[in-house]
Amino acid sequence: MTQHPETRLVEAACSTCGATFTVRSTRPAISLDVCSNCHPAYTGRRRAVAQSDRIDRFNRRRSLATA
């Protein structure tokens, strides 16, 4: 009996952009939320969802609390 689990080549699929690539894993399938093809840190582009500013949200909550 070996100490290490058995690995195999599986397809990893990104649910955001649909890109697939082959990786070695112990799991039968891998699904990613964000991959290096669509992640803003790698691409340099920001998505519309990620543009809400924390300071603006804080100021809105603060103004509602004082009203």
PDB file of N, CA and C in Angstrom:
ATOM      1  N   MET A   1       0.843  -1.183   0.000  1.00  0.00           N
ATOM      2  CA  MET A   1       0.000   0.000   0.000  1.00  0.00           C
ATOM      3  C   MET A   1       0.896   1.257   0.000  1.00  0.00           C
ATOM      4  N   THR A   2       0.554   2.234  -0.798  1.00  0.00           N
ATOM      5  CA  THR A   2       1.351   3.451  -0.894  1.00  0.00           C
ATOM      6  C   THR A   2       0.765   4.541  -0.005  1.00  0.00           C
ATOM      7  N   GLN A   3       1.584   5.495   0.309  1.00  0.00           N
ATOM      8  CA  GLN A   3       1.160   6.611   1.148  1.00  0.00           C
ATOM      9  C   GLN A   3       0.500   7.730   0.341  1.00  0.00           C
ATOM     10  N   HIS A   4       0.799   7.820  -0.939  1.00  0.00           N
ATOM     11  CA  HIS A   4       0.320   8.919  -1.766  1.00  0.00           C
ATOM     12  C   HIS A   4      -0.912   8.517  -2.571  1.00  0.00           C
ATOM     13  N   PRO A   5      -1.871   9.422  -2.706  1.00  0.00           N
ATOM     14  CA  PRO A   5      -3.042   9.105  -3.523  1.00  0.00           C
ATOM     15  C   PRO A   5      -2.673   9.073  -5.006  1.00  0.00           C
ATOM     16  N   GLU A   6      -3.462   8.374  -5.767  1.00  0.00           N
ATOM     17  CA  GLU A   6      -3.198   8.277  -7.188  1.00  0.00           C
ATOM     18  C   GLU A   6      -3.694   9.522  -7.916  1.00  0.00           C
ATOM     19  N   THR A   7      -2.879  10.038  -8.811  1.00  0.00           N
ATOM     20  CA  THR A   7      -3.263  11.225  -9.577  1.00  0.00           C
ATOM     21  C   THR A   7      -3.522  10.824 -11.021  1.00  0.00           C
ATOM     22  N   ARG A   8      -4.321  11.644 -11.690  1.00  0.00           N
ATOM     23  CA  ARG A   8      -4.644  11.420 -13.099  1.00  0.00           C
ATOM     24  C   ARG A   8      -4.828  12.760 -13.791  1.00  0.00           C
ATOM     25  N   LEU A   9      -4.784  12.768 -15.105  1.00  0.00           N
ATOM     26  CA  LEU A   9      -5.008  13.987 -15.873  1.00  0.00           C
ATOM     27  C   LEU A   9      -6.506  14.224 -16.003  1.00  0.00           C
ATOM     28  N   VAL A  10      -6.950  15.428 -15.623  1.00  0.00           N
ATOM     29  CA  VAL A  10      -8.367  15.787 -15.702  1.00  0.00           C
ATOM     30  C   VAL A  10      -8.493  17.137 -16.390  1.00  0.00           C
ATOM     31  N   GLU A  11      -9.676  17.414 -16.915  1.00  0.00           N
ATOM     32  CA  GLU A  11      -9.965  18.698 -17.542  1.00  0.00           C
ATOM     33  C   GLU A  11     -10.491  19.665 -16.481  1.00  0.00           C
ATOM     34  N   ALA A  12      -9.858  20.818 -16.367  1.00  0.00           N
ATOM     35  CA  ALA A  12     -10.329  21.875 -15.483  1.00  0.00           C
ATOM     36  C   ALA A  12     -11.058  22.893 -16.350  1.00  0.00           C
ATOM     37  N   ALA A  13     -12.280  23.257 -15.964  1.00  0.00           N
ATOM     38  CA  ALA A  13     -13.101  24.169 -16.752  1.00  0.00           C
ATOM     39  C   ALA A  13     -13.424  25.413 -15.941  1.00  0.00           C
ATOM     40  N   CYS A  14     -13.258  26.579 -16.561  1.00  0.00           N
ATOM     41  CA  CYS A  14     -13.582  27.855 -15.926  1.00  0.00           C
ATOM     42  C   CYS A  14     -15.044  28.172 -16.196  1.00  0.00           C
ATOM     43  N   SER A  15     -15.807  28.467 -15.147  1.00  0.00           N
ATOM     44  CA  SER A  15     -17.228  28.761 -15.328  1.00  0.00           C
ATOM     45  C   SER A  15     -17.469  30.192 -15.805  1.00  0.00           C
ATOM     46  N   THR A  16     -16.468  31.079 -15.702  1.00  0.00           N
ATOM     47  CA  THR A  16     -16.636  32.456 -16.135  1.00  0.00           C
ATOM     48  C   THR A  16     -16.413  32.621 -17.634  1.00  0.00           C
ATOM     49  N   CYS A  17     -15.267  32.154 -18.128  1.00  0.00           N
ATOM     50  CA  CYS A  17     -14.943  32.372 -19.543  1.00  0.00           C
ATOM     51  C   CYS A  17     -15.066  31.112 -20.387  1.00  0.00           C
ATOM     52  N   GLY A  18     -15.198  29.948 -19.766  1.00  0.00           N
ATOM     53  CA  GLY A  18     -15.359  28.707 -20.508  1.00  0.00           C
ATOM     54  C   GLY A  18     -14.061  28.057 -20.949  1.00  0.00           C
ATOM     55  N   ALA A  19     -12.931  28.579 -20.538  1.00  0.00           N
ATOM     56  CA  ALA A  19     -11.648  28.003 -20.918  1.00  0.00           C
ATOM     57  C   ALA A  19     -11.450  26.660 -20.216  1.00  0.00           C
ATOM     58  N   THR A  20     -10.832  25.724 -20.915  1.00  0.00           N
ATOM     59  CA  THR A  20     -10.517  24.426 -20.326  1.00  0.00           C
ATOM     60  C   THR A  20      -9.038  24.144 -20.519  1.00  0.00           C
ATOM     61  N   PHE A  21      -8.455  23.456 -19.556  1.00  0.00           N
ATOM     62  CA  PHE A  21      -7.070  23.039 -19.659  1.00  0.00           C
ATOM     63  C   PHE A  21      -6.875  21.788 -18.833  1.00  0.00           C
ATOM     64  N   THR A  22      -5.836  21.059 -19.145  1.00  0.00           N
ATOM     65  CA  THR A  22      -5.571  19.776 -18.502  1.00  0.00           C
ATOM     66  C   THR A  22      -4.613  19.966 -17.336  1.00  0.00           C
ATOM     67  N   VAL A  23      -4.977  19.395 -16.188  1.00  0.00           N
ATOM     68  CA  VAL A  23      -4.138  19.435 -14.994  1.00  0.00           C
ATOM     69  C   VAL A  23      -4.099  18.033 -14.385  1.00  0.00           C
ATOM     70  N   ARG A  24      -3.166  17.814 -13.495  1.00  0.00           N
ATOM     71  CA  ARG A  24      -3.069  16.541 -12.784  1.00  0.00           C
ATOM     72  C   ARG A  24      -3.720  16.728 -11.414  1.00  0.00           C
ATOM     73  N   SER A  25      -4.636  15.811 -11.056  1.00  0.00           N
ATOM     74  CA  SER A  25      -5.371  15.949  -9.807  1.00  0.00           C
ATOM     75  C   SER A  25      -5.793  14.581  -9.291  1.00  0.00           C
ATOM     76  N   THR A  26      -6.163  14.553  -8.008  1.00  0.00           N
ATOM     77  CA  THR A  26      -6.729  13.344  -7.425  1.00  0.00           C
ATOM     78  C   THR A  26      -8.244  13.336  -7.575  1.00  0.00           C
ATOM     79  N   ARG A  27      -8.835  14.466  -7.932  1.00  0.00           N
ATOM     80  CA  ARG A  27     -10.280  14.556  -8.133  1.00  0.00           C
ATOM     81  C   ARG A  27     -10.651  14.158  -9.558  1.00  0.00           C
ATOM     82  N   PRO A  28     -11.870  13.670  -9.773  1.00  0.00           N
ATOM     83  CA  PRO A  28     -12.256  13.271 -11.126  1.00  0.00           C
ATOM     84  C   PRO A  28     -12.526  14.452 -12.066  1.00  0.00           C
ATOM     85  N   ALA A  29     -12.952  15.596 -11.533  1.00  0.00           N
ATOM     86  CA  ALA A  29     -13.230  16.775 -12.369  1.00  0.00           C
ATOM     87  C   ALA A  29     -13.011  18.035 -11.528  1.00  0.00           C
ATOM     88  N   ILE A  30     -12.616  19.125 -12.196  1.00  0.00           N
ATOM     89  CA  ILE A  30     -12.372  20.386 -11.505  1.00  0.00           C
ATOM     90  C   ILE A  30     -13.142  21.492 -12.221  1.00  0.00           C
ATOM     91  N   SER A  31     -13.867  22.302 -11.443  1.00  0.00           N
ATOM     92  CA  SER A  31     -14.576  23.455 -11.973  1.00  0.00           C
ATOM     93  C   SER A  31     -14.056  24.695 -11.255  1.00  0.00           C
ATOM     94  N   LEU A  32     -13.610  25.696 -12.011  1.00  0.00           N
ATOM     95  CA  LEU A  32     -13.047  26.918 -11.449  1.00  0.00           C
ATOM     96  C   LEU A  32     -14.015  28.076 -11.592  1.00  0.00           C
ATOM     97  N   ASP A  33     -14.027  28.989 -10.632  1.00  0.00           N
ATOM     98  CA  ASP A  33     -14.827  30.198 -10.754  1.00  0.00           C
ATOM     99  C   ASP A  33     -14.135  31.199 -11.664  1.00  0.00           C
ATOM    100  N   VAL A  34     -12.840  31.391 -11.470  1.00  0.00           N
ATOM    101  CA  VAL A  34     -12.055  32.338 -12.246  1.00  0.00           C
ATOM    102  C   VAL A  34     -10.706  31.696 -12.553  1.00  0.00           C
ATOM    103  N   CYS A  35     -10.247  31.840 -13.784  1.00  0.00           N
ATOM    104  CA  CYS A  35      -8.944  31.282 -14.159  1.00  0.00           C
ATOM    105  C   CYS A  35      -7.995  32.414 -14.555  1.00  0.00           C
ATOM    106  N   SER A  36      -6.780  32.074 -14.947  1.00  0.00           N
ATOM    107  CA  SER A  36      -5.801  33.099 -15.310  1.00  0.00           C
ATOM    108  C   SER A  36      -6.159  33.801 -16.611  1.00  0.00           C
ATOM    109  N   ASN A  37      -7.040  33.221 -17.427  1.00  0.00           N
ATOM    110  CA  ASN A  37      -7.464  33.885 -18.672  1.00  0.00           C
ATOM    111  C   ASN A  37      -8.439  35.030 -18.421  1.00  0.00           C
ATOM    112  N   CYS A  38      -9.207  34.963 -17.325  1.00  0.00           N
ATOM    113  CA  CYS A  38     -10.226  35.991 -17.095  1.00  0.00           C
ATOM    114  C   CYS A  38     -10.069  36.716 -15.755  1.00  0.00           C
ATOM    115  N   HIS A  39      -9.080  36.375 -14.943  1.00  0.00           N
ATOM    116  CA  HIS A  39      -8.891  37.041 -13.656  1.00  0.00           C
ATOM    117  C   HIS A  39      -8.354  38.456 -13.870  1.00  0.00           C
ATOM    118  N   PRO A  40      -8.935  39.467 -13.216  1.00  0.00           N
ATOM    119  CA  PRO A  40      -8.502  40.853 -13.416  1.00  0.00           C
ATOM    120  C   PRO A  40      -7.042  41.109 -13.065  1.00  0.00           C
ATOM    121  N   ALA A  41      -6.470  40.387 -12.129  1.00  0.00           N
ATOM    122  CA  ALA A  41      -5.077  40.604 -11.760  1.00  0.00           C
ATOM    123  C   ALA A  41      -4.135  40.185 -12.890  1.00  0.00           C
ATOM    124  N   TYR A  42      -4.517  39.183 -13.661  1.00  0.00           N
ATOM    125  CA  TYR A  42      -3.681  38.716 -14.762  1.00  0.00           C
ATOM    126  C   TYR A  42      -3.951  39.475 -16.052  1.00  0.00           C
ATOM    127  N   THR A  43      -5.200  39.873 -16.280  1.00  0.00           N
ATOM    128  CA  THR A  43      -5.551  40.507 -17.549  1.00  0.00           C
ATOM    129  C   THR A  43      -5.396  42.016 -17.517  1.00  0.00           C
ATOM    130  N   GLY A  44      -5.489  42.637 -16.335  1.00  0.00           N
ATOM    131  CA  GLY A  44      -5.402  44.089 -16.236  1.00  0.00           C
ATOM    132  C   GLY A  44      -6.729  44.775 -16.489  1.00  0.00           C
ATOM    133  N   ARG A  45      -7.790  44.009 -16.725  1.00  0.00           N
ATOM    134  CA  ARG A  45      -9.126  44.573 -16.953  1.00  0.00           C
ATOM    135  C   ARG A  45      -9.995  44.313 -15.736  1.00  0.00           C
ATOM    136  N   ARG A  46     -10.848  45.282 -15.422  1.00  0.00           N
ATOM    137  CA  ARG A  46     -11.790  45.112 -14.318  1.00  0.00           C
ATOM    138  C   ARG A  46     -13.158  44.834 -14.885  1.00  0.00           C
ATOM    139  N   ARG A  47     -13.899  43.965 -14.233  1.00  0.00           N
ATOM    140  CA  ARG A  47     -15.265  43.682 -14.650  1.00  0.00           C
ATOM    141  C   ARG A  47     -16.194  44.708 -14.023  1.00  0.00           C
ATOM    142  N   ALA A  48     -17.362  44.864 -14.591  1.00  0.00           N
ATOM    143  CA  ALA A  48     -18.337  45.833 -14.088  1.00  0.00           C
ATOM    144  C   ALA A  48     -18.786  45.479 -12.672  1.00  0.00           C
ATOM    145  N   VAL A  49     -18.829  44.211 -12.336  1.00  0.00           N
ATOM    146  CA  VAL A  49     -19.258  43.770 -11.013  1.00  0.00           C
ATOM    147  C   VAL A  49     -18.251  44.213  -9.960  1.00  0.00           C
ATOM    148  N   ALA A  50     -16.965  44.199 -10.291  1.00  0.00           N
ATOM    149  CA  ALA A  50     -15.916  44.488  -9.330  1.00  0.00           C
ATOM    150  C   ALA A  50     -15.635  45.975  -9.188  1.00  0.00           C
ATOM    151  N   GLN A  51     -16.417  46.861  -9.806  1.00  0.00           N
ATOM    152  CA  GLN A  51     -16.101  48.278  -9.797  1.00  0.00           C
ATOM    153  C   GLN A  51     -16.737  49.048  -8.643  1.00  0.00           C
ATOM    154  N   SER A  52     -17.595  48.432  -7.858  1.00  0.00           N
ATOM    155  CA  SER A  52     -18.177  49.171  -6.742  1.00  0.00           C
ATOM    156  C   SER A  52     -17.091  49.452  -5.714  1.00  0.00           C
ATOM    157  N   ASP A  53     -17.023  50.659  -5.272  1.00  0.00           N
ATOM    158  CA  ASP A  53     -15.940  51.097  -4.413  1.00  0.00           C
ATOM    159  C   ASP A  53     -16.334  50.950  -2.959  1.00  0.00           C
ATOM    160  N   ARG A  54     -15.441  50.455  -2.139  1.00  0.00           N
ATOM    161  CA  ARG A  54     -15.731  50.251  -0.717  1.00  0.00           C
ATOM    162  C   ARG A  54     -16.002  51.569  -0.001  1.00  0.00           C
ATOM    163  N   ILE A  55     -15.275  52.605  -0.368  1.00  0.00           N
ATOM    164  CA  ILE A  55     -15.457  53.904   0.292  1.00  0.00           C
ATOM    165  C   ILE A  55     -16.842  54.459   0.003  1.00  0.00           C
ATOM    166  N   ASP A  56     -17.306  54.315  -1.240  1.00  0.00           N
ATOM    167  CA  ASP A  56     -18.657  54.779  -1.574  1.00  0.00           C
ATOM    168  C   ASP A  56     -19.718  54.021  -0.788  1.00  0.00           C
ATOM    169  N   ARG A  57     -19.545  52.713  -0.647  1.00  0.00           N
ATOM    170  CA  ARG A  57     -20.513  51.938   0.133  1.00  0.00           C
ATOM    171  C   ARG A  57     -20.501  52.360   1.596  1.00  0.00           C
ATOM    172  N   PHE A  58     -19.312  52.598   2.145  1.00  0.00           N
ATOM    173  CA  PHE A  58     -19.206  53.039   3.527  1.00  0.00           C
ATOM    174  C   PHE A  58     -19.899  54.390   3.718  1.00  0.00           C
ATOM    175  N   ASN A  59     -19.655  55.326   2.821  1.00  0.00           N
ATOM    176  CA  ASN A  59     -20.277  56.648   2.931  1.00  0.00           C
ATOM    177  C   ASN A  59     -21.793  56.569   2.804  1.00  0.00           C
ATOM    178  N   ARG A  60     -22.309  55.684   1.945  1.00  0.00           N
ATOM    179  CA  ARG A  60     -23.767  55.517   1.835  1.00  0.00           C
ATOM    180  C   ARG A  60     -24.347  54.984   3.148  1.00  0.00           C
ATOM    181  N   ARG A  61     -23.707  53.983   3.731  1.00  0.00           N
ATOM    182  CA  ARG A  61     -24.204  53.426   4.999  1.00  0.00           C
ATOM    183  C   ARG A  61     -24.117  54.451   6.111  1.00  0.00           C
ATOM    184  N   ARG A  62     -23.056  55.236   6.122  1.00  0.00           N
ATOM    185  CA  ARG A  62     -22.877  56.269   7.135  1.00  0.00           C
ATOM    186  C   ARG A  62     -23.949  57.347   7.032  1.00  0.00           C
ATOM    187  N   SER A  63     -24.268  57.744   5.797  1.00  0.00           N
ATOM    188  CA  SER A  63     -25.299  58.766   5.622  1.00  0.00           C
ATOM    189  C   SER A  63     -26.676  58.233   6.019  1.00  0.00           C
ATOM    190  N   LEU A  64     -26.933  56.951   5.794  1.00  0.00           N
ATOM    191  CA  LEU A  64     -28.206  56.365   6.203  1.00  0.00           C
ATOM    192  C   LEU A  64     -28.307  56.253   7.719  1.00  0.00           C
ATOM    193  N   ALA A  65     -27.188  55.993   8.382  1.00  0.00           N
ATOM    194  CA  ALA A  65     -27.184  55.845   9.837  1.00  0.00           C
ATOM    195  C   ALA A  65     -27.405  57.188  10.535  1.00  0.00           C
ATOM    196  N   THR A  66     -26.931  58.281   9.952  1.00  0.00           N
ATOM    197  CA  THR A  66     -27.087  59.589  10.595  1.00  0.00           C
ATOM    198  C   THR A  66     -28.425  60.230  10.266  1.00  0.00           C
ATOM    199  N   ALA A  67     -29.115  59.728   9.264  1.00  0.00           N
ATOM    200  CA  ALA A  67     -30.389  60.325   8.861  1.00  0.00           C
ATOM    201  C   ALA A  67     -31.519  59.943   9.768  1.00  0.00           C
TER     202      ALA A  67
END
